[in-house]
Protein backbone atom coordinates (compact mmCIF):
# COMPACT_ATOMS: atom_id res chain seq x y z
CA MET A 1 121.21 1.19 -233.08
CA THR A 2 121.10 -2.49 -233.82
CA ALA A 3 123.40 -4.92 -232.93
CA LEU A 4 124.89 -5.12 -236.62
CA TYR A 5 125.75 -1.36 -236.28
CA ASP A 6 127.24 -1.81 -233.07
CA GLN A 7 129.58 -4.65 -233.97
CA GLU A 8 130.51 -4.58 -237.54
CA LEU A 9 132.11 -1.99 -240.01
CA MET A 10 129.39 -0.66 -242.32
CA THR A 11 129.72 -0.28 -246.09
CA PRO A 12 129.41 3.38 -247.15
CA ALA A 13 125.75 2.45 -248.18
CA LYS A 14 124.94 0.99 -244.95
CA LEU A 15 126.41 3.96 -243.10
CA GLU A 16 124.48 6.52 -245.25
CA SER A 17 121.09 4.56 -244.35
CA ALA A 18 122.07 4.79 -240.63
CA LEU A 19 122.65 8.62 -241.11
CA ARG A 20 119.42 9.02 -242.77
CA ALA A 21 117.59 6.93 -240.14
CA ILE A 22 119.09 9.44 -237.58
CA GLY A 23 117.01 12.26 -239.42
CA ALA A 24 113.91 10.53 -239.73
CA GLU A 25 113.59 10.06 -236.08
CA ARG A 26 115.26 13.05 -234.64
CA TYR A 27 115.31 16.03 -237.33
CA HIS A 28 113.42 18.96 -235.99
CA HIS A 29 110.71 18.63 -238.57
CA ARG A 30 109.02 16.44 -235.86
CA HIS A 31 109.24 19.22 -233.38
CA PRO A 32 105.70 20.56 -231.91
CA PHE A 33 106.75 24.04 -232.77
CA HIS A 34 107.32 23.51 -236.39
CA GLN A 35 104.00 21.28 -236.64
CA LEU A 36 102.12 24.15 -235.41
CA MET A 37 103.82 26.38 -237.77
CA HIS A 38 103.02 24.33 -240.83
CA GLU A 39 99.28 24.05 -239.50
CA GLY A 40 98.99 27.91 -239.53
CA LYS A 41 98.47 28.08 -235.59
CA LEU A 42 101.44 30.15 -234.64
CA THR A 43 100.63 33.88 -233.65
CA HIS A 44 102.23 36.74 -235.06
CA PRO A 45 104.49 37.50 -232.05
CA GLN A 46 105.39 33.81 -232.05
CA LEU A 47 106.70 33.89 -235.62
CA GLN A 48 108.69 37.18 -234.57
CA ALA A 49 110.09 35.30 -231.58
CA TRP A 50 111.00 32.20 -233.96
CA ALA A 51 112.67 34.58 -236.48
CA LEU A 52 114.52 36.57 -233.91
CA ASN A 53 115.90 33.64 -232.21
CA ARG A 54 116.74 31.66 -235.39
CA TYR A 55 118.64 34.82 -236.51
CA TYR A 56 121.32 33.75 -233.70
CA TYR A 57 121.63 30.51 -235.40
CA GLN A 58 121.92 31.81 -238.58
CA SER A 59 124.62 34.38 -237.80
CA ILE A 60 126.93 31.57 -236.71
CA ILE A 61 126.94 29.42 -239.58
CA PRO A 62 129.74 31.19 -241.61
CA ILE A 63 131.56 31.13 -238.39
CA LYS A 64 131.12 27.31 -237.85
CA ASP A 65 132.08 26.89 -241.28
CA ALA A 66 135.26 28.86 -241.18
CA ILE A 67 136.20 26.86 -238.17
CA ILE A 68 135.82 23.80 -240.20
CA LEU A 69 137.76 25.40 -242.94
CA SER A 70 140.33 26.33 -240.62
CA ARG A 71 140.87 22.77 -239.84
CA ALA A 72 141.07 21.15 -243.18
CA GLU A 73 144.42 20.15 -244.49
CA ASP A 74 143.27 19.17 -247.77
CA PRO A 75 143.13 21.99 -250.31
CA ALA A 76 140.37 20.16 -252.26
CA PHE A 77 138.12 20.03 -249.24
CA ARG A 78 138.88 23.74 -248.63
CA ARG A 79 137.78 24.65 -252.18
CA ALA A 80 134.50 22.80 -251.87
CA TRP A 81 133.65 24.03 -248.31
CA ARG A 82 134.30 27.84 -248.69
CA LYS A 83 131.46 28.30 -250.85
CA ARG A 84 129.28 27.81 -247.76
CA ILE A 85 130.79 31.11 -246.16
CA ILE A 86 129.97 32.94 -249.24
CA ASP A 87 126.28 31.42 -249.30
CA HIS A 88 125.68 32.90 -245.89
CA ASP A 89 127.99 36.19 -246.00
CA GLY A 90 127.41 37.01 -249.50
CA ASP A 91 130.10 38.12 -251.82
CA GLY A 92 129.82 41.93 -251.46
CA THR A 93 127.42 42.16 -254.49
CA ARG A 94 124.89 40.08 -253.73
CA PRO A 95 123.07 39.27 -250.13
CA GLY A 96 123.78 36.21 -248.44
CA GLY A 97 121.72 33.79 -246.03
CA ILE A 98 122.36 36.05 -243.21
CA GLU A 99 120.83 39.32 -244.91
CA LYS A 100 118.20 37.27 -246.46
CA TRP A 101 117.39 35.87 -242.84
CA ILE A 102 117.03 39.69 -241.65
CA GLN A 103 114.55 40.40 -244.48
CA LEU A 104 112.55 37.31 -243.18
CA ALA A 105 112.64 39.07 -239.72
CA LEU A 106 111.75 42.38 -241.00
CA ALA A 107 108.79 40.77 -242.93
CA THR A 108 107.57 39.77 -239.31
CA GLY A 109 107.40 43.19 -238.29
CA LEU A 110 110.86 43.25 -236.37
CA ASP A 111 113.46 46.19 -236.44
CA ARG A 112 116.72 45.30 -238.02
CA GLU A 113 118.82 46.66 -234.96
CA GLU A 114 116.63 44.59 -232.79
CA VAL A 115 117.51 41.46 -234.84
CA VAL A 116 121.21 42.10 -235.41
CA SER A 117 121.78 43.36 -231.73
CA GLU A 118 120.91 40.00 -230.69
CA LYS A 119 118.98 41.31 -227.82
CA GLY A 120 116.09 39.31 -226.66
CA ILE A 121 117.61 36.12 -227.65
CA LEU A 122 116.40 32.93 -225.30
CA PRO A 123 119.14 31.65 -222.93
CA GLY A 124 118.22 28.21 -224.40
CA THR A 125 118.80 29.29 -228.05
CA ARG A 126 122.29 30.95 -227.05
CA TYR A 127 123.38 27.81 -225.24
CA ALA A 128 122.21 25.47 -227.99
CA VAL A 129 123.83 27.57 -230.69
CA ASN A 130 127.20 28.01 -228.77
CA ALA A 131 127.32 24.15 -228.24
CA TYR A 132 127.21 23.96 -231.98
CA LEU A 133 130.38 26.03 -232.11
CA ASP A 134 132.13 24.02 -229.39
CA LEU A 135 131.18 20.82 -231.34
CA VAL A 136 132.93 21.97 -234.54
CA SER A 137 135.88 23.31 -232.80
CA LYS A 138 136.69 20.67 -230.03
CA ARG A 139 135.67 17.25 -231.43
CA THR A 140 137.40 15.38 -234.33
CA PHE A 141 137.53 16.78 -237.61
CA LEU A 142 135.24 14.00 -238.84
CA GLU A 143 132.70 14.85 -236.29
CA ALA A 144 132.62 18.31 -237.37
CA VAL A 145 131.98 17.84 -241.01
CA ALA A 146 129.40 14.83 -239.93
CA SER A 147 127.44 17.42 -237.83
CA SER A 148 126.58 19.40 -240.87
CA LEU A 149 124.80 16.35 -242.56
CA THR A 150 121.27 17.78 -241.01
CA GLU A 151 121.24 19.24 -244.71
CA ILE A 152 120.40 15.86 -246.06
CA PHE A 153 116.96 16.28 -244.49
CA SER A 154 116.55 19.96 -244.96
CA ARG A 155 115.28 20.48 -248.44
CA ASP A 156 112.07 18.65 -247.93
CA LEU A 157 111.46 20.63 -244.73
CA ILE A 158 112.38 23.86 -246.64
CA ALA A 159 109.95 23.01 -249.48
CA LEU A 160 107.17 22.41 -247.11
CA ARG A 161 107.89 25.36 -244.93
CA ILE A 162 107.80 27.82 -248.18
CA ASP A 163 104.38 26.15 -249.17
CA ARG A 164 102.92 26.73 -245.61
CA LEU A 165 104.25 30.22 -244.78
CA ARG A 166 102.62 31.21 -248.02
CA GLN A 167 99.42 29.53 -247.33
CA HIS A 168 98.91 30.58 -243.70
CA TYR A 169 101.05 33.66 -243.47
CA PRO A 170 100.78 35.44 -246.79
CA TRP A 171 102.26 38.56 -245.19
CA LEU A 172 105.71 36.70 -245.04
CA SER A 173 105.84 35.98 -248.80
CA GLY A 174 108.01 38.75 -249.40
CA GLY A 175 110.79 37.32 -247.11
CA LEU A 176 111.39 33.81 -248.07
CA ALA A 177 114.27 34.55 -250.24
CA TYR A 178 116.64 32.65 -247.65
CA PHE A 179 114.42 29.34 -248.04
CA GLU A 180 114.36 29.72 -251.71
CA ALA A 181 118.07 29.83 -252.00
CA ARG A 182 118.58 26.82 -249.88
CA LEU A 183 116.42 24.68 -251.91
CA THR A 184 119.64 24.30 -254.18
CA GLN A 185 122.40 25.14 -251.60
CA ALA A 186 121.53 22.65 -249.15
CA PRO A 187 121.24 19.61 -251.45
CA GLU A 188 124.55 20.51 -253.12
CA ASP A 189 126.33 21.20 -249.74
CA ALA A 190 124.74 17.80 -248.30
CA ARG A 191 126.01 15.71 -251.34
CA PHE A 192 129.63 16.82 -250.75
CA ALA A 193 129.69 16.25 -246.85
CA LEU A 194 127.90 12.86 -247.21
CA ALA A 195 130.29 11.56 -249.63
CA TRP A 196 133.18 12.87 -247.61
CA VAL A 197 132.07 11.44 -244.50
CA THR A 198 131.11 7.96 -245.75
CA GLU A 199 134.51 7.81 -247.45
CA HIS A 200 136.65 8.97 -244.39
CA ALA A 201 134.71 7.15 -241.69
CA ARG A 202 137.00 3.98 -242.17
CA THR A 203 136.51 2.22 -238.83
CA ARG A 204 133.57 1.18 -236.95
CA ALA A 205 134.73 3.77 -234.06
CA GLU A 206 134.84 6.53 -236.81
CA GLN A 207 131.49 5.58 -238.14
CA GLY A 208 130.26 5.74 -234.44
CA LEU A 209 131.73 9.28 -234.00
CA ALA A 210 130.03 10.39 -237.46
CA LEU A 211 126.60 8.91 -236.29
CA GLY A 212 126.85 10.61 -232.75
CA ALA A 213 127.85 13.89 -234.23
CA LEU A 214 124.80 13.94 -236.50
CA ARG A 215 122.80 12.91 -233.35
CA ALA A 216 124.11 15.96 -231.48
CA LYS A 217 123.39 18.43 -234.21
CA CYS A 218 119.71 17.19 -234.27
CA ASP A 219 119.58 17.87 -230.32
CA ILE A 220 121.05 21.18 -230.97
CA LEU A 221 118.30 22.08 -233.51
CA TRP A 222 115.53 20.45 -231.29
CA ALA A 223 116.74 22.23 -227.96
CA GLN A 224 116.42 25.58 -229.80
CA LEU A 225 112.81 24.86 -230.55
CA ASP A 226 112.08 23.73 -227.08
CA ALA A 227 113.31 26.91 -225.64
CA LEU A 228 110.83 28.68 -228.20
CA HIS A 229 107.94 26.43 -227.22
CA PHE A 230 108.43 26.84 -223.47
CA ALA A 231 108.67 30.57 -223.55
CA TYR A 232 106.21 31.51 -226.10
CA VAL A 233 103.70 28.51 -226.69
CA GLU A 234 103.51 26.36 -223.35
CA PRO A 235 103.65 27.43 -220.77
CA GLY A 236 104.64 30.67 -222.06
CA TRP A 237 107.13 32.00 -219.89
CA PRO A 238 109.90 34.11 -221.40
CA PRO A 239 112.81 34.69 -219.36
CA PRO A 240 113.97 38.17 -218.21
CA GLY A 241 115.49 39.95 -221.07
CA ALA A 242 113.80 37.87 -223.70
CA PHE A 243 111.70 39.28 -226.61
CA ARG A 244 108.23 40.09 -225.90
CA GLN A 245 105.48 41.45 -228.02
CA PRO A 246 105.36 45.36 -227.78
CA GLY A 247 103.18 46.55 -224.74
CA GLU A 248 103.19 42.97 -223.08
CA ASN A 249 103.79 43.19 -219.33
CA PRO A 250 106.87 41.18 -218.04
CA VAL A 251 106.23 37.96 -216.10
CA ALA A 252 106.15 39.06 -212.41
């Protein structure tokens, strides 16, 4: 952060600029695991491990949003935020994001029970995702909302991912409904959350909390990919109980 941001109250526009700068520096589009994915260099088992571990993150998103919803005192905020839960849980007639992610995992060749049982999840994934629930539960309400602002950056990554998955892994093309839906859902959610944060971070201390929460969320996303990269790319040491390709011998 610059000395200006450390000392002076930022205008809403400057706060937004500072939030966006965090994404440019820290969002997980820069992670080597994603770089390998977009270059078509991940193996089939590595993509399976990604889909399996990411499911754990996807599965807690509506829980995270329900926690935020339960902490909101403003009915207008609750009305706007509750759509996020429906987006991921579905409405009983159409599948939501969780089911769409399961379909992506199935397209990699995983079994539904293997995915939803959450067996084989890396410890690093579990710790990182649970830390997200801790953030939205235990920090200030402003921080809980600000942590969602990674959605500001997600649309460009999703558009790139759809293109590269179709290009390099055409056998996944039938499982991309999750990403296709998020192309419109994420920007809509981000606009609301960004407007709310820039309006309600009214002191320099509150602005610092919002910036810190977004950094923490970026760290949580990055840590999940660190765990995947260590276990399945380099050095390739999955821990006991973690997903392994069928027939693969466990590490001695």
